[in-house]
C-alpha atoms as a PDB file:
ATOM      1  CA  MET A   1     -48.924  41.630 -54.761  1.00  0.00           C
ATOM      2  CA  ARG A   2     -48.087  38.333 -53.274  1.00  0.00           C
ATOM      3  CA  LEU A   3     -47.699  37.915 -49.531  1.00  0.00           C
ATOM      4  CA  GLU A   4     -44.023  36.877 -49.783  1.00  0.00           C
ATOM      5  CA  LYS A   5     -43.111  40.084 -51.617  1.00  0.00           C
ATOM      6  CA  LEU A   6     -44.933  42.209 -49.046  1.00  0.00           C
ATOM      7  CA  ILE A   7     -43.142  40.513 -46.156  1.00  0.00           C
ATOM      8  CA  CYS A   8     -39.789  40.801 -47.932  1.00  0.00           C
ATOM      9  CA  ALA A   9     -40.349  44.512 -48.658  1.00  0.00           C
ATOM     10  CA  TYR A  10     -41.362  45.101 -45.020  1.00  0.00           C
ATOM     11  CA  VAL A  11     -38.239  43.362 -43.645  1.00  0.00           C
ATOM     12  CA  ILE A  12     -35.913  45.141 -46.089  1.00  0.00           C
ATOM     13  CA  SER A  13     -37.404  48.545 -45.229  1.00  0.00           C
ATOM     14  CA  LEU A  14     -36.986  47.873 -41.494  1.00  0.00           C
ATOM     15  CA  LEU A  15     -33.353  46.809 -41.974  1.00  0.00           C
ATOM     16  CA  ALA A  16     -32.647  49.870 -44.140  1.00  0.00           C
ATOM     17  CA  GLY A  17     -34.144  52.144 -41.469  1.00  0.00           C
ATOM     18  CA  LEU A  18     -32.045  50.471 -38.800  1.00  0.00           C
ATOM     19  CA  ALA A  19     -28.897  50.889 -40.918  1.00  0.00           C
ATOM     20  CA  VAL A  20     -29.629  54.604 -41.368  1.00  0.00           C
ATOM     21  CA  LEU A  21     -30.054  55.034 -37.606  1.00  0.00           C
ATOM     22  CA  VAL A  22     -26.771  53.237 -36.887  1.00  0.00           C
ATOM     23  CA  ILE A  23     -24.870  55.376 -39.398  1.00  0.00           C
ATOM     24  CA  TYR A  24     -26.428  58.582 -38.041  1.00  0.00           C
ATOM     25  CA  SER A  25     -25.578  57.597 -34.468  1.00  0.00           C
ATOM     26  CA  GLU A  26     -21.966  56.812 -35.417  1.00  0.00           C
ATOM     27  CA  ILE A  27     -21.551  60.159 -37.179  1.00  0.00           C
ATOM     28  CA  ARG A  28     -22.954  62.046 -34.168  1.00  0.00           C
ATOM     29  CA  SER A  29     -20.726  60.223 -31.688  1.00  0.00           C
ATOM     30  CA  ARG A  30     -17.619  60.985 -33.748  1.00  0.00           C
ATOM     31  CA  ARG A  31     -18.517  64.632 -34.174  1.00  0.00           C
ATOM     32  CA  PHE A  32     -19.474  65.367 -30.557  1.00  0.00           C
ATOM     33  CA  GLY A  33     -17.415  62.753 -28.734  1.00  0.00           C
ATOM     34  CA  PRO A  34     -14.093  63.545 -27.119  1.00  0.00           C
ATOM     35  CA  ALA A  35     -11.101  63.516 -29.425  1.00  0.00           C
ATOM     36  CA  ARG A  36      -8.752  60.604 -29.018  1.00  0.00           C
ATOM     37  CA  LYS A  37      -5.448  61.497 -27.477  1.00  0.00           C
ATOM     38  CA  GLN A  38      -2.308  60.056 -28.925  1.00  0.00           C
ATOM     39  CA  ASP A  39      -0.527  58.202 -26.142  1.00  0.00           C
ATOM     40  CA  ARG A  40       3.061  57.064 -26.026  1.00  0.00           C
ATOM     41  CA  ILE A  41       3.903  53.458 -25.298  1.00  0.00           C
ATOM     42  CA  PHE A  42       6.413  52.710 -22.550  1.00  0.00           C
ATOM     43  CA  ARG A  43       8.086  49.435 -21.575  1.00  0.00           C
ATOM     44  CA  CYS A  44       9.687  49.169 -18.166  1.00  0.00           C
ATOM     45  CA  GLU A  45      13.359  48.247 -18.249  1.00  0.00           C
ATOM     46  CA  ARG A  46      13.220  46.634 -14.802  1.00  0.00           C
ATOM     47  CA  CYS A  47       9.975  44.605 -14.697  1.00  0.00           C
ATOM     48  CA  GLY A  48       9.007  44.499 -18.420  1.00  0.00           C
ATOM     49  CA  SER A  49       5.561  46.005 -17.895  1.00  0.00           C
ATOM     50  CA  VAL A  50       4.051  47.717 -20.949  1.00  0.00           C
ATOM     51  CA  TYR A  51       1.902  50.818 -20.360  1.00  0.00           C
ATOM     52  CA  THR A  52       0.868  54.096 -21.985  1.00  0.00           C
ATOM     53  CA  ASP A  53       1.133  57.724 -20.954  1.00  0.00           C
ATOM     54  CA  ASP A  54       0.390  61.126 -22.483  1.00  0.00           C
ATOM     55  CA  ALA A  55       2.186  62.156 -25.667  1.00  0.00           C
ATOM     56  CA  ASP A  56       3.729  65.235 -24.043  1.00  0.00           C
ATOM     57  CA  VAL A  57       5.566  63.177 -21.382  1.00  0.00           C
ATOM     58  CA  ALA A  58       9.260  62.565 -22.121  1.00  0.00           C
ATOM     59  CA  ARG A  59       9.768  59.982 -19.350  1.00  0.00           C
ATOM     60  CA  SER A  60       7.123  58.067 -17.462  1.00  0.00           C
ATOM     61  CA  ARG A  61       7.111  56.240 -14.148  1.00  0.00           C
ATOM     62  CA  CYS A  62       6.144  52.550 -14.243  1.00  0.00           C
ATOM     63  CA  ALA A  63       2.964  51.782 -12.309  1.00  0.00           C
ATOM     64  CA  GLN A  64       4.314  48.385 -11.211  1.00  0.00           C
ATOM     65  CA  CYS A  65       7.791  49.163  -9.858  1.00  0.00           C
ATOM     66  CA  GLY A  66       8.204  52.967 -10.084  1.00  0.00           C
ATOM     67  CA  THR A  67      11.155  53.053 -12.507  1.00  0.00           C
ATOM     68  CA  LEU A  68      11.396  56.024 -14.891  1.00  0.00           C
ATOM     69  CA  ASN A  69      11.387  54.858 -18.522  1.00  0.00           C
ATOM     70  CA  GLU A  70      11.910  56.302 -21.988  1.00  0.00           C
ATOM     71  CA  PRO A  71       9.160  55.841 -24.610  1.00  0.00           C
ATOM     72  CA  PHE A  72       9.280  52.611 -26.571  1.00  0.00           C
ATOM     73  CA  GLU A  73      10.068  53.131 -30.274  1.00  0.00           C
ATOM     74  CA  PHE A  74       8.979  50.599 -32.862  1.00  0.00           C
END
């Protein structure tokens, strides 16, 4: 075998091993990581601030001015 082919095979095998490790790590983090919560988006009627709160909250208080707001619907 020529030297160029050996070096190319070595680099490709290292990159393939790295790709396998990245995929395995991503699968583990999704399986054992905390589930994402669906938040509601709120926009303050008084100051215009946009913020999020839990999905089970019907009205949320603005962190900037303290006004209670309804969830923002797209």
